[in-house]
Amino acid sequence: MALTREQIASIAALARLDLTASEFPVYQDSLSRILEFVSALDRAHTADVAPMSHPLPGLSQRLRPDVVTEQDRREHYQANAPQVAAGLYLVPKVIE
């Protein structure tokens, strides 16, 4: 999928990039090749592929037991806050 100059300009604006005229072809080529690669991956047949929990056969992910290891210290942490109400931190309004 080849991107147009307008699409590159839109992407650059979203990314807050100030591209020069000489940089447009470089970005156009690079981003177009990335999108072509992704579309090639989309065409890969994966219907018969089973999900893996580990990339190497016979191995599995070591998991720790799901147990609580720390105490609830919310009251301690909120004691340092300038303003707290109903267990929530109160912050000044910054948007009018």
C-alpha atoms as a PDB file:
ATOM      1  CA  MET A   1       0.000   0.000   0.000  1.00  0.00           C
ATOM      2  CA  ALA A   2       1.639   3.191  -1.176  1.00  0.00           C
ATOM      3  CA  LEU A   3       0.881   6.229   0.926  1.00  0.00           C
ATOM      4  CA  THR A   4       0.204   9.559  -0.724  1.00  0.00           C
ATOM      5  CA  ARG A   5       1.942  12.820   0.115  1.00  0.00           C
ATOM      6  CA  GLU A   6      -1.284  14.041   1.756  1.00  0.00           C
ATOM      7  CA  GLN A   7      -1.428  10.961   3.988  1.00  0.00           C
ATOM      8  CA  ILE A   8       2.205  11.478   5.016  1.00  0.00           C
ATOM      9  CA  ALA A   9       1.443  15.133   5.792  1.00  0.00           C
ATOM     10  CA  SER A  10      -1.540  14.066   7.909  1.00  0.00           C
ATOM     11  CA  ILE A  11       0.521  11.477   9.803  1.00  0.00           C
ATOM     12  CA  ALA A  12       3.295  14.030  10.342  1.00  0.00           C
ATOM     13  CA  ALA A  13       0.783  16.531  11.709  1.00  0.00           C
ATOM     14  CA  LEU A  14      -0.635  13.936  14.108  1.00  0.00           C
ATOM     15  CA  ALA A  15       2.887  13.040  15.259  1.00  0.00           C
ATOM     16  CA  ARG A  16       3.798  16.738  15.540  1.00  0.00           C
ATOM     17  CA  LEU A  17       6.627  16.316  13.029  1.00  0.00           C
ATOM     18  CA  ASP A  18       7.782  19.246  10.926  1.00  0.00           C
ATOM     19  CA  LEU A  19       8.945  17.481   7.766  1.00  0.00           C
ATOM     20  CA  THR A  20      10.970  19.236   5.114  1.00  0.00           C
ATOM     21  CA  ALA A  21      10.283  18.693   1.422  1.00  0.00           C
ATOM     22  CA  SER A  22      13.298  16.377   1.156  1.00  0.00           C
ATOM     23  CA  GLU A  23      12.074  14.209   4.053  1.00  0.00           C
ATOM     24  CA  PHE A  24       8.656  13.456   2.557  1.00  0.00           C
ATOM     25  CA  PRO A  25       9.901  10.821   0.053  1.00  0.00           C
ATOM     26  CA  VAL A  26      11.940   9.084   2.771  1.00  0.00           C
ATOM     27  CA  TYR A  27       8.963   8.854   5.131  1.00  0.00           C
ATOM     28  CA  GLN A  28       6.634   7.917   2.285  1.00  0.00           C
ATOM     29  CA  ASP A  29       8.873   5.010   1.264  1.00  0.00           C
ATOM     30  CA  SER A  30       9.528   3.817   4.821  1.00  0.00           C
ATOM     31  CA  LEU A  31       5.922   3.923   5.993  1.00  0.00           C
ATOM     32  CA  SER A  32       4.657   2.337   2.768  1.00  0.00           C
ATOM     33  CA  ARG A  33       7.092  -0.569   3.185  1.00  0.00           C
ATOM     34  CA  ILE A  34       5.982  -1.052   6.806  1.00  0.00           C
ATOM     35  CA  LEU A  35       2.339  -1.198   5.734  1.00  0.00           C
ATOM     36  CA  GLU A  36       3.188  -3.655   2.932  1.00  0.00           C
ATOM     37  CA  PHE A  37       4.936  -5.895   5.464  1.00  0.00           C
ATOM     38  CA  VAL A  38       1.926  -5.785   7.793  1.00  0.00           C
ATOM     39  CA  SER A  39      -0.415  -6.645   4.935  1.00  0.00           C
ATOM     40  CA  ALA A  40       1.838  -9.614   4.075  1.00  0.00           C
ATOM     41  CA  LEU A  41       1.484 -10.786   7.675  1.00  0.00           C
ATOM     42  CA  ASP A  42      -2.305 -10.443   7.381  1.00  0.00           C
ATOM     43  CA  ARG A  43      -2.246 -12.849   4.420  1.00  0.00           C
ATOM     44  CA  ALA A  44      -0.430 -15.544   6.413  1.00  0.00           C
ATOM     45  CA  HIS A  45      -2.577 -18.648   6.965  1.00  0.00           C
ATOM     46  CA  THR A  46      -2.938 -19.078  10.735  1.00  0.00           C
ATOM     47  CA  ALA A  47      -6.250 -20.960  11.029  1.00  0.00           C
ATOM     48  CA  ASP A  48      -4.573 -24.246  11.991  1.00  0.00           C
ATOM     49  CA  VAL A  49      -1.960 -22.748  14.311  1.00  0.00           C
ATOM     50  CA  ALA A  50      -2.546 -23.477  17.988  1.00  0.00           C
ATOM     51  CA  PRO A  51      -1.822 -20.690  20.483  1.00  0.00           C
ATOM     52  CA  MET A  52       1.442 -21.118  22.377  1.00  0.00           C
ATOM     53  CA  SER A  53       2.226 -20.271  25.958  1.00  0.00           C
ATOM     54  CA  HIS A  54       5.948 -20.448  25.223  1.00  0.00           C
ATOM     55  CA  PRO A  55       7.838 -20.236  21.906  1.00  0.00           C
ATOM     56  CA  LEU A  56      10.002 -23.279  22.682  1.00  0.00           C
ATOM     57  CA  PRO A  57       8.345 -26.730  22.659  1.00  0.00           C
ATOM     58  CA  GLY A  58       8.088 -28.519  25.984  1.00  0.00           C
ATOM     59  CA  LEU A  59       8.632 -25.413  28.069  1.00  0.00           C
ATOM     60  CA  SER A  60       6.086 -23.377  29.955  1.00  0.00           C
ATOM     61  CA  GLN A  61       6.052 -20.000  31.586  1.00  0.00           C
ATOM     62  CA  ARG A  62       7.095 -20.057  35.228  1.00  0.00           C
ATOM     63  CA  LEU A  63       4.444 -18.282  37.258  1.00  0.00           C
ATOM     64  CA  ARG A  64       4.570 -17.228  40.870  1.00  0.00           C
ATOM     65  CA  PRO A  65       1.652 -18.019  43.162  1.00  0.00           C
ATOM     66  CA  ASP A  66      -1.059 -15.372  43.092  1.00  0.00           C
ATOM     67  CA  VAL A  67      -0.921 -14.331  46.728  1.00  0.00           C
ATOM     68  CA  VAL A  68      -0.965 -10.927  48.396  1.00  0.00           C
ATOM     69  CA  THR A  69       2.563  -9.987  49.450  1.00  0.00           C
ATOM     70  CA  GLU A  70       2.033  -6.417  50.644  1.00  0.00           C
ATOM     71  CA  GLN A  71      -0.296  -4.880  53.174  1.00  0.00           C
ATOM     72  CA  ASP A  72      -2.930  -2.270  52.365  1.00  0.00           C
ATOM     73  CA  ARG A  73      -1.195   1.021  53.223  1.00  0.00           C
ATOM     74  CA  ARG A  74      -3.727   3.408  51.694  1.00  0.00           C
ATOM     75  CA  GLU A  75      -4.335   5.250  54.974  1.00  0.00           C
ATOM     76  CA  HIS A  76      -0.594   5.717  55.427  1.00  0.00           C
ATOM     77  CA  TYR A  77      -0.142   7.092  51.894  1.00  0.00           C
ATOM     78  CA  GLN A  78      -3.184   9.343  52.097  1.00  0.00           C
ATOM     79  CA  ALA A  79      -1.926  10.864  55.339  1.00  0.00           C
ATOM     80  CA  ASN A  80       0.710  12.642  53.211  1.00  0.00           C
ATOM     81  CA  ALA A  81      -1.776  13.993  50.661  1.00  0.00           C
ATOM     82  CA  PRO A  82      -2.858  17.630  50.921  1.00  0.00           C
ATOM     83  CA  GLN A  83      -6.551  16.802  50.384  1.00  0.00           C
ATOM     84  CA  VAL A  84      -8.427  13.500  50.619  1.00  0.00           C
ATOM     85  CA  ALA A  85     -12.157  12.751  50.616  1.00  0.00           C
ATOM     86  CA  ALA A  86     -13.867   9.343  50.779  1.00  0.00           C
ATOM     87  CA  GLY A  87     -10.563   7.566  50.177  1.00  0.00           C
ATOM     88  CA  LEU A  88      -9.810   9.584  47.020  1.00  0.00           C
ATOM     89  CA  TYR A  89      -7.068  12.111  46.343  1.00  0.00           C
ATOM     90  CA  LEU A  90      -8.432  15.577  45.616  1.00  0.00           C
ATOM     91  CA  VAL A  91      -6.536  17.607  43.051  1.00  0.00           C
ATOM     92  CA  PRO A  92      -7.056  21.183  41.835  1.00  0.00           C
ATOM     93  CA  LYS A  93      -9.178  21.655  38.728  1.00  0.00           C
ATOM     94  CA  VAL A  94      -6.943  22.507  35.777  1.00  0.00           C
ATOM     95  CA  ILE A  95      -9.518  22.597  32.965  1.00  0.00           C
ATOM     96  CA  GLU A  96     -12.146  25.321  32.938  1.00  0.00           C
END
